[in-house]
N, C-alpha and C. Protein backbone atom coordinates (compact mmCIF):
# COMPACT_ATOMS: atom_id res chain seq x y z
N MET A 1 62.82 -22.58 -40.92
CA MET A 1 61.98 -22.00 -41.96
C MET A 1 62.08 -22.81 -43.24
N LYS A 2 60.95 -22.97 -43.89
CA LYS A 2 60.89 -23.71 -45.14
C LYS A 2 61.06 -22.74 -46.31
N ARG A 3 61.93 -23.08 -47.25
CA ARG A 3 62.16 -22.27 -48.44
C ARG A 3 61.05 -22.57 -49.45
N VAL A 4 60.41 -21.53 -49.97
CA VAL A 4 59.33 -21.67 -50.94
C VAL A 4 59.61 -20.76 -52.13
N ASP A 5 59.49 -21.30 -53.34
CA ASP A 5 59.61 -20.49 -54.56
C ASP A 5 58.20 -20.10 -55.00
N VAL A 6 58.02 -18.81 -55.24
CA VAL A 6 56.73 -18.29 -55.67
C VAL A 6 56.93 -17.59 -57.02
N ALA A 7 56.07 -17.91 -57.99
CA ALA A 7 56.17 -17.32 -59.33
C ALA A 7 54.91 -16.54 -59.65
N TYR A 8 55.08 -15.26 -59.99
CA TYR A 8 53.98 -14.38 -60.41
C TYR A 8 54.18 -14.01 -61.87
N VAL A 9 53.09 -13.59 -62.53
CA VAL A 9 53.19 -13.13 -63.92
C VAL A 9 52.49 -11.79 -64.06
N LEU A 10 53.21 -10.80 -64.58
CA LEU A 10 52.62 -9.51 -64.92
C LEU A 10 52.03 -9.62 -66.32
N LEU A 11 50.75 -9.36 -66.43
CA LEU A 11 50.04 -9.42 -67.71
C LEU A 11 49.45 -8.05 -67.99
N PHE A 12 49.86 -7.43 -69.09
CA PHE A 12 49.41 -6.09 -69.43
C PHE A 12 48.26 -6.16 -70.43
N ASP A 13 47.38 -5.15 -70.39
CA ASP A 13 46.30 -5.07 -71.38
C ASP A 13 46.89 -4.61 -72.72
N GLU A 14 46.04 -4.55 -73.75
CA GLU A 14 46.53 -4.22 -75.11
C GLU A 14 47.23 -2.86 -75.16
N LEU A 15 46.73 -1.90 -74.40
CA LEU A 15 47.32 -0.56 -74.41
C LEU A 15 48.48 -0.42 -73.42
N GLU A 16 48.75 -1.50 -72.69
CA GLU A 16 49.83 -1.53 -71.69
C GLU A 16 49.67 -0.43 -70.65
N GLN A 17 48.40 -0.16 -70.27
CA GLN A 17 48.14 0.85 -69.24
C GLN A 17 47.65 0.20 -67.95
N ASN A 18 47.25 -1.06 -68.03
CA ASN A 18 46.74 -1.78 -66.86
C ASN A 18 47.40 -3.15 -66.77
N VAL A 19 47.42 -3.68 -65.57
CA VAL A 19 47.99 -5.00 -65.34
C VAL A 19 46.92 -5.84 -64.62
N LEU A 20 46.89 -7.14 -64.92
CA LEU A 20 45.90 -8.03 -64.31
C LEU A 20 46.33 -8.39 -62.89
N MET A 21 45.40 -8.23 -61.95
CA MET A 21 45.68 -8.53 -60.55
C MET A 21 44.59 -9.44 -60.00
N VAL A 22 44.95 -10.25 -59.01
CA VAL A 22 43.97 -11.09 -58.33
C VAL A 22 43.89 -10.65 -56.87
N LYS A 23 42.67 -10.70 -56.33
CA LYS A 23 42.46 -10.37 -54.92
C LYS A 23 42.37 -11.68 -54.16
N ASN A 24 43.39 -11.95 -53.34
CA ASN A 24 43.50 -13.19 -52.59
C ASN A 24 42.80 -13.05 -51.24
N LYS A 25 42.13 -14.11 -50.81
CA LYS A 25 41.53 -14.10 -49.48
C LYS A 25 42.64 -14.42 -48.48
N GLY A 26 42.88 -13.50 -47.56
CA GLY A 26 43.93 -13.70 -46.55
C GLY A 26 43.32 -14.13 -45.22
N THR A 27 44.17 -14.45 -44.25
CA THR A 27 43.68 -14.85 -42.93
C THR A 27 43.01 -13.67 -42.23
N GLY A 28 43.63 -12.50 -42.32
CA GLY A 28 43.04 -11.31 -41.72
C GLY A 28 42.19 -10.57 -42.73
N SER A 29 42.84 -10.04 -43.76
CA SER A 29 42.12 -9.31 -44.79
C SER A 29 42.59 -9.77 -46.17
N SER A 30 41.87 -9.35 -47.19
CA SER A 30 42.22 -9.72 -48.55
C SER A 30 43.36 -8.83 -49.05
N TYR A 31 44.08 -9.30 -50.06
CA TYR A 31 45.21 -8.54 -50.60
C TYR A 31 45.39 -8.86 -52.08
N TYR A 32 45.91 -7.89 -52.82
CA TYR A 32 46.14 -8.05 -54.26
C TYR A 32 47.56 -8.51 -54.56
N THR A 33 47.68 -9.36 -55.57
CA THR A 33 48.98 -9.74 -56.14
C THR A 33 48.76 -9.96 -57.64
N PRO A 34 49.84 -9.99 -58.41
CA PRO A 34 49.68 -10.50 -59.77
C PRO A 34 49.29 -11.98 -59.64
N PRO A 35 48.67 -12.56 -60.67
CA PRO A 35 48.37 -13.99 -60.57
C PRO A 35 49.66 -14.80 -60.42
N GLY A 36 49.61 -15.84 -59.59
CA GLY A 36 50.78 -16.68 -59.37
C GLY A 36 50.67 -17.38 -58.04
N GLY A 37 51.71 -18.12 -57.70
CA GLY A 37 51.70 -18.84 -56.45
C GLY A 37 52.90 -19.75 -56.32
N ALA A 38 52.83 -20.64 -55.35
CA ALA A 38 53.96 -21.52 -55.05
C ALA A 38 54.22 -22.52 -56.17
N VAL A 39 55.49 -22.67 -56.48
CA VAL A 39 55.93 -23.64 -57.48
C VAL A 39 55.98 -25.01 -56.81
N GLU A 40 55.42 -26.01 -57.47
CA GLU A 40 55.37 -27.35 -56.89
C GLU A 40 56.64 -28.14 -57.19
N LYS A 41 56.88 -29.14 -56.37
CA LYS A 41 58.05 -30.01 -56.53
C LYS A 41 58.05 -30.61 -57.94
N GLY A 42 59.21 -30.53 -58.61
CA GLY A 42 59.35 -31.08 -59.95
C GLY A 42 58.97 -30.13 -61.07
N GLU A 43 58.42 -28.96 -60.74
CA GLU A 43 58.05 -27.96 -61.75
C GLU A 43 59.19 -26.96 -61.93
N THR A 44 59.32 -26.43 -63.14
CA THR A 44 60.21 -25.29 -63.33
C THR A 44 59.45 -24.05 -62.86
N LEU A 45 60.15 -22.95 -62.69
CA LEU A 45 59.50 -21.70 -62.30
C LEU A 45 58.43 -21.30 -63.32
N ILE A 46 58.77 -21.44 -64.60
CA ILE A 46 57.83 -21.06 -65.67
C ILE A 46 56.61 -21.97 -65.67
N GLU A 47 56.82 -23.27 -65.52
CA GLU A 47 55.68 -24.20 -65.47
C GLU A 47 54.76 -23.85 -64.31
N GLY A 48 55.34 -23.55 -63.16
CA GLY A 48 54.55 -23.16 -61.99
C GLY A 48 53.79 -21.87 -62.23
N ALA A 49 54.45 -20.89 -62.85
CA ALA A 49 53.82 -19.60 -63.13
C ALA A 49 52.62 -19.78 -64.07
N ILE A 50 52.81 -20.54 -65.15
CA ILE A 50 51.74 -20.77 -66.13
C ILE A 50 50.57 -21.51 -65.49
N ARG A 51 50.86 -22.54 -64.69
CA ARG A 51 49.81 -23.32 -64.03
C ARG A 51 49.03 -22.45 -63.06
N GLU A 52 49.75 -21.67 -62.24
CA GLU A 52 49.09 -20.81 -61.25
C GLU A 52 48.19 -19.76 -61.91
N VAL A 53 48.66 -19.15 -63.00
CA VAL A 53 47.84 -18.16 -63.71
C VAL A 53 46.55 -18.82 -64.20
N LYS A 54 46.67 -20.01 -64.79
CA LYS A 54 45.49 -20.73 -65.29
C LYS A 54 44.52 -21.04 -64.15
N GLU A 55 45.05 -21.54 -63.02
CA GLU A 55 44.21 -21.88 -61.87
C GLU A 55 43.50 -20.66 -61.30
N GLU A 56 44.21 -19.53 -61.23
CA GLU A 56 43.65 -18.35 -60.57
C GLU A 56 42.77 -17.49 -61.47
N THR A 57 43.06 -17.50 -62.78
CA THR A 57 42.35 -16.57 -63.68
C THR A 57 41.61 -17.24 -64.83
N GLY A 58 41.93 -18.50 -65.16
CA GLY A 58 41.34 -19.15 -66.32
C GLY A 58 42.06 -18.84 -67.62
N LEU A 59 43.12 -18.02 -67.55
CA LEU A 59 43.82 -17.59 -68.76
C LEU A 59 45.05 -18.46 -69.07
N ASP A 60 45.30 -18.65 -70.36
CA ASP A 60 46.52 -19.31 -70.82
C ASP A 60 47.51 -18.21 -71.13
N VAL A 61 48.75 -18.39 -70.67
CA VAL A 61 49.75 -17.34 -70.88
C VAL A 61 51.06 -17.91 -71.42
N HIS A 62 51.79 -17.02 -72.07
CA HIS A 62 53.16 -17.29 -72.49
C HIS A 62 54.03 -16.38 -71.64
N VAL A 63 55.13 -16.89 -71.12
CA VAL A 63 56.01 -16.10 -70.26
C VAL A 63 57.24 -15.66 -71.04
N ASP A 64 57.55 -14.35 -70.96
CA ASP A 64 58.64 -13.77 -71.75
C ASP A 64 59.98 -13.69 -71.04
N GLY A 65 59.99 -13.19 -69.83
CA GLY A 65 61.27 -13.01 -69.14
C GLY A 65 61.04 -12.62 -67.70
N VAL A 66 62.11 -12.44 -66.97
CA VAL A 66 62.04 -12.12 -65.54
C VAL A 66 61.96 -10.60 -65.36
N PHE A 67 60.94 -10.16 -64.63
CA PHE A 67 60.76 -8.73 -64.32
C PHE A 67 61.53 -8.38 -63.05
N SER A 68 61.36 -9.22 -62.01
CA SER A 68 62.07 -8.97 -60.75
C SER A 68 62.20 -10.26 -59.95
N VAL A 69 63.17 -10.24 -59.03
CA VAL A 69 63.35 -11.33 -58.07
C VAL A 69 63.41 -10.67 -56.71
N GLY A 70 62.66 -11.21 -55.77
CA GLY A 70 62.66 -10.66 -54.42
C GLY A 70 62.60 -11.79 -53.41
N GLU A 71 62.63 -11.44 -52.15
CA GLU A 71 62.44 -12.47 -51.13
C GLU A 71 61.75 -11.86 -49.93
N ALA A 72 61.09 -12.72 -49.18
CA ALA A 72 60.36 -12.27 -48.00
C ALA A 72 60.32 -13.39 -46.97
N PHE A 73 60.27 -13.00 -45.71
CA PHE A 73 60.12 -13.97 -44.63
C PHE A 73 58.70 -13.85 -44.09
N PHE A 74 57.91 -14.93 -44.23
CA PHE A 74 56.55 -14.97 -43.71
C PHE A 74 56.60 -15.75 -42.41
N GLU A 75 56.86 -15.03 -41.33
CA GLU A 75 57.07 -15.64 -40.01
C GLU A 75 55.90 -16.53 -39.60
N GLU A 76 54.65 -16.01 -39.79
CA GLU A 76 53.48 -16.75 -39.33
C GLU A 76 53.32 -18.10 -40.03
N ARG A 77 53.82 -18.20 -41.26
CA ARG A 77 53.73 -19.47 -42.00
C ARG A 77 55.02 -20.28 -41.88
N GLY A 78 56.08 -19.64 -41.38
CA GLY A 78 57.36 -20.31 -41.31
C GLY A 78 58.01 -20.48 -42.67
N HIS A 79 57.73 -19.51 -43.59
CA HIS A 79 58.25 -19.60 -44.95
C HIS A 79 59.30 -18.53 -45.24
N HIS A 80 60.35 -18.94 -45.91
CA HIS A 80 61.30 -18.01 -46.51
C HIS A 80 61.01 -18.11 -48.00
N ALA A 81 60.35 -17.10 -48.55
CA ALA A 81 59.89 -17.15 -49.94
C ALA A 81 60.82 -16.38 -50.86
N ILE A 82 61.15 -17.01 -51.99
CA ILE A 82 61.85 -16.33 -53.08
C ILE A 82 60.77 -16.04 -54.11
N LEU A 83 60.60 -14.76 -54.45
CA LEU A 83 59.50 -14.30 -55.30
C LEU A 83 60.02 -13.96 -56.69
N PHE A 84 59.61 -14.71 -57.69
CA PHE A 84 60.01 -14.49 -59.07
C PHE A 84 58.82 -13.88 -59.81
N THR A 85 58.98 -12.68 -60.35
CA THR A 85 57.91 -12.06 -61.13
C THR A 85 58.34 -12.02 -62.58
N PHE A 86 57.53 -12.64 -63.43
CA PHE A 86 57.78 -12.70 -64.87
C PHE A 86 56.85 -11.72 -65.58
N VAL A 87 57.19 -11.39 -66.82
CA VAL A 87 56.27 -10.66 -67.70
C VAL A 87 55.75 -11.68 -68.69
N GLY A 88 54.44 -11.65 -68.93
CA GLY A 88 53.85 -12.62 -69.85
C GLY A 88 52.84 -11.99 -70.77
N LYS A 89 52.29 -12.84 -71.66
CA LYS A 89 51.24 -12.42 -72.60
C LYS A 89 50.10 -13.41 -72.49
N ILE A 90 48.88 -12.89 -72.60
CA ILE A 90 47.70 -13.76 -72.62
C ILE A 90 47.58 -14.35 -74.02
N ILE A 91 47.48 -15.69 -74.10
CA ILE A 91 47.39 -16.33 -75.41
C ILE A 91 46.09 -17.12 -75.58
N GLY A 92 45.25 -17.16 -74.53
CA GLY A 92 43.98 -17.87 -74.65
C GLY A 92 43.24 -17.92 -73.33
N GLY A 93 42.12 -18.63 -73.35
CA GLY A 93 41.30 -18.78 -72.15
C GLY A 93 40.42 -17.57 -71.94
N LYS A 94 39.60 -17.62 -70.89
CA LYS A 94 38.79 -16.45 -70.53
C LYS A 94 38.79 -16.32 -69.01
N ILE A 95 38.64 -15.09 -68.55
CA ILE A 95 38.74 -14.85 -67.11
C ILE A 95 37.60 -15.53 -66.36
N GLU A 96 37.97 -16.43 -65.48
CA GLU A 96 37.01 -17.06 -64.58
C GLU A 96 37.74 -17.51 -63.32
N ILE A 97 37.04 -17.45 -62.20
CA ILE A 97 37.64 -17.82 -60.92
C ILE A 97 37.29 -19.27 -60.62
N SER A 98 38.31 -20.14 -60.64
CA SER A 98 38.11 -21.57 -60.38
C SER A 98 38.06 -21.88 -58.89
N PHE A 99 38.77 -21.08 -58.09
CA PHE A 99 38.86 -21.33 -56.65
C PHE A 99 38.34 -20.13 -55.86
N PRO A 100 36.98 -19.95 -55.80
CA PRO A 100 36.44 -18.78 -55.08
C PRO A 100 36.79 -18.76 -53.60
N GLU A 101 37.20 -19.91 -53.05
CA GLU A 101 37.61 -19.93 -51.64
C GLU A 101 38.98 -19.28 -51.46
N GLU A 102 39.73 -19.12 -52.55
CA GLU A 102 41.06 -18.49 -52.50
C GLU A 102 41.09 -17.11 -53.14
N ILE A 103 40.37 -16.96 -54.26
CA ILE A 103 40.42 -15.73 -55.06
C ILE A 103 39.06 -15.03 -55.03
N GLU A 104 39.05 -13.76 -54.59
CA GLU A 104 37.81 -12.99 -54.55
C GLU A 104 37.47 -12.35 -55.88
N GLU A 105 38.52 -11.82 -56.55
CA GLU A 105 38.24 -11.15 -57.83
C GLU A 105 39.50 -11.14 -58.68
N VAL A 106 39.27 -11.03 -59.99
CA VAL A 106 40.34 -10.85 -60.97
C VAL A 106 40.02 -9.51 -61.64
N THR A 107 40.97 -8.59 -61.62
CA THR A 107 40.66 -7.24 -62.09
C THR A 107 41.84 -6.60 -62.82
N TRP A 108 41.54 -5.70 -63.76
CA TRP A 108 42.58 -4.90 -64.40
C TRP A 108 42.82 -3.69 -63.51
N MET A 109 44.09 -3.40 -63.23
CA MET A 109 44.44 -2.30 -62.33
C MET A 109 45.46 -1.40 -63.01
N ASP A 110 45.30 -0.11 -62.83
CA ASP A 110 46.23 0.83 -63.43
C ASP A 110 47.64 0.61 -62.86
N LEU A 111 48.64 0.82 -63.72
CA LEU A 111 50.03 0.46 -63.39
C LEU A 111 50.52 1.08 -62.08
N LYS A 112 50.21 2.35 -61.87
CA LYS A 112 50.69 3.03 -60.67
C LYS A 112 50.11 2.39 -59.40
N GLN A 113 48.81 2.08 -59.45
CA GLN A 113 48.15 1.44 -58.32
C GLN A 113 48.70 0.03 -58.12
N ALA A 114 48.87 -0.72 -59.21
CA ALA A 114 49.35 -2.10 -59.14
C ALA A 114 50.75 -2.17 -58.54
N GLU A 115 51.56 -1.16 -58.85
CA GLU A 115 52.95 -1.17 -58.37
C GLU A 115 53.02 -1.25 -56.85
N LYS A 116 52.02 -0.70 -56.16
CA LYS A 116 51.99 -0.76 -54.69
C LYS A 116 51.89 -2.20 -54.20
N TYR A 117 51.24 -3.04 -54.99
CA TYR A 117 50.98 -4.42 -54.56
C TYR A 117 52.05 -5.42 -55.02
N ILE A 118 52.95 -4.99 -55.89
CA ILE A 118 53.96 -5.96 -56.35
C ILE A 118 55.29 -5.78 -55.62
N HIS A 119 55.20 -5.09 -54.50
CA HIS A 119 56.33 -4.99 -53.56
C HIS A 119 57.59 -4.44 -54.20
N ILE A 120 57.43 -3.33 -54.93
CA ILE A 120 58.59 -2.64 -55.48
C ILE A 120 59.13 -1.76 -54.35
N SER A 121 60.39 -1.95 -53.99
CA SER A 121 60.98 -1.18 -52.89
C SER A 121 61.10 0.29 -53.27
N SER A 122 61.15 1.14 -52.25
CA SER A 122 61.31 2.56 -52.53
C SER A 122 62.65 2.75 -53.25
N GLY A 123 62.65 3.69 -54.15
CA GLY A 123 63.82 3.90 -55.00
C GLY A 123 63.65 3.22 -56.34
N PHE A 124 62.69 2.29 -56.44
CA PHE A 124 62.44 1.58 -57.70
C PHE A 124 61.06 1.91 -58.27
N GLU A 125 60.41 2.95 -57.75
CA GLU A 125 59.10 3.31 -58.27
C GLU A 125 59.20 3.58 -59.77
N GLY A 126 58.16 3.19 -60.50
CA GLY A 126 58.16 3.40 -61.95
C GLY A 126 58.73 2.24 -62.72
N LEU A 127 59.28 1.26 -62.03
CA LEU A 127 59.89 0.10 -62.68
C LEU A 127 58.89 -0.62 -63.59
N ILE A 128 57.64 -0.70 -63.13
CA ILE A 128 56.62 -1.41 -63.89
C ILE A 128 56.34 -0.70 -65.23
N MET A 129 56.55 0.62 -65.28
CA MET A 129 56.30 1.36 -66.52
C MET A 129 57.30 0.97 -67.61
N ASP A 130 58.52 0.61 -67.19
CA ASP A 130 59.57 0.27 -68.16
C ASP A 130 59.40 -1.12 -68.75
N ARG A 131 58.82 -2.04 -67.96
CA ARG A 131 58.60 -3.42 -68.40
C ARG A 131 59.89 -4.10 -68.90
N ASN A 132 61.00 -3.74 -68.34
CA ASN A 132 62.26 -4.39 -68.72
C ASN A 132 62.30 -5.81 -68.15
N THR A 133 62.91 -6.72 -68.91
CA THR A 133 63.06 -8.08 -68.42
C THR A 133 64.47 -8.55 -68.68
N VAL A 134 64.86 -9.59 -67.96
CA VAL A 134 66.10 -10.29 -68.26
C VAL A 134 65.69 -11.70 -68.66
N PRO A 135 66.50 -12.39 -69.46
CA PRO A 135 66.10 -13.72 -69.90
C PRO A 135 66.03 -14.72 -68.75
N TYR A 136 65.10 -15.64 -68.88
CA TYR A 136 65.02 -16.78 -67.98
C TYR A 136 65.65 -17.94 -68.72
N ILE A 137 66.63 -18.57 -68.12
CA ILE A 137 67.36 -19.66 -68.79
C ILE A 137 67.22 -20.93 -67.97
N LEU A 138 66.61 -21.93 -68.59
CA LEU A 138 66.52 -23.24 -67.96
C LEU A 138 67.73 -24.03 -68.45
N ARG A 139 68.62 -24.31 -67.54
CA ARG A 139 69.86 -24.99 -67.90
C ARG A 139 69.64 -26.50 -67.92
N GLU A 140 69.88 -27.08 -69.06
CA GLU A 140 69.78 -28.54 -69.20
C GLU A 140 71.10 -29.15 -68.74
N VAL A 141 71.04 -30.03 -67.77
CA VAL A 141 72.24 -30.67 -67.25
C VAL A 141 72.34 -32.07 -67.82
N GLU A 142 73.49 -32.37 -68.38
CA GLU A 142 73.68 -33.71 -68.95
C GLU A 142 73.74 -34.74 -67.82
N LYS A 143 73.02 -35.82 -68.06
CA LYS A 143 73.04 -36.92 -67.07
C LYS A 143 74.21 -37.85 -67.39
N LYS A 144 74.95 -38.21 -66.38
CA LYS A 144 76.10 -39.10 -66.58
C LYS A 144 75.62 -40.56 -66.55
N GLY A 145 76.31 -41.39 -67.30
CA GLY A 145 76.01 -42.82 -67.26
C GLY A 145 75.23 -43.18 -68.44
């Protein structure tokens, strides 16, 4: 199995009652996720998250902190995915779908409904209402020589 890092961003509306979701075209059926996707080689998690949001929604975002970390095994793809969900803010751009072959729609969804799609395990319902985050720390390693 190939290890894949996936970065999503939770973006709330001004009243913090809705979260932005994208409807992805799947092999069988379509499915909702927060905007995001696979982090590319050489990118930090945050860089990947910001790039993916821009590609999927047309929006420029600032990322604040980590909302959750999860993992999943996608047997059919042969992927072991580590899923990083950040909380962010929209700082520019306008909603537009750049890749209609991948994304069917970009929509605001009520928090309770959205929580079903962000894979919050039972026992953690309501987590999205709290919007708690932990800091994301990019550790700079000194190069020797």
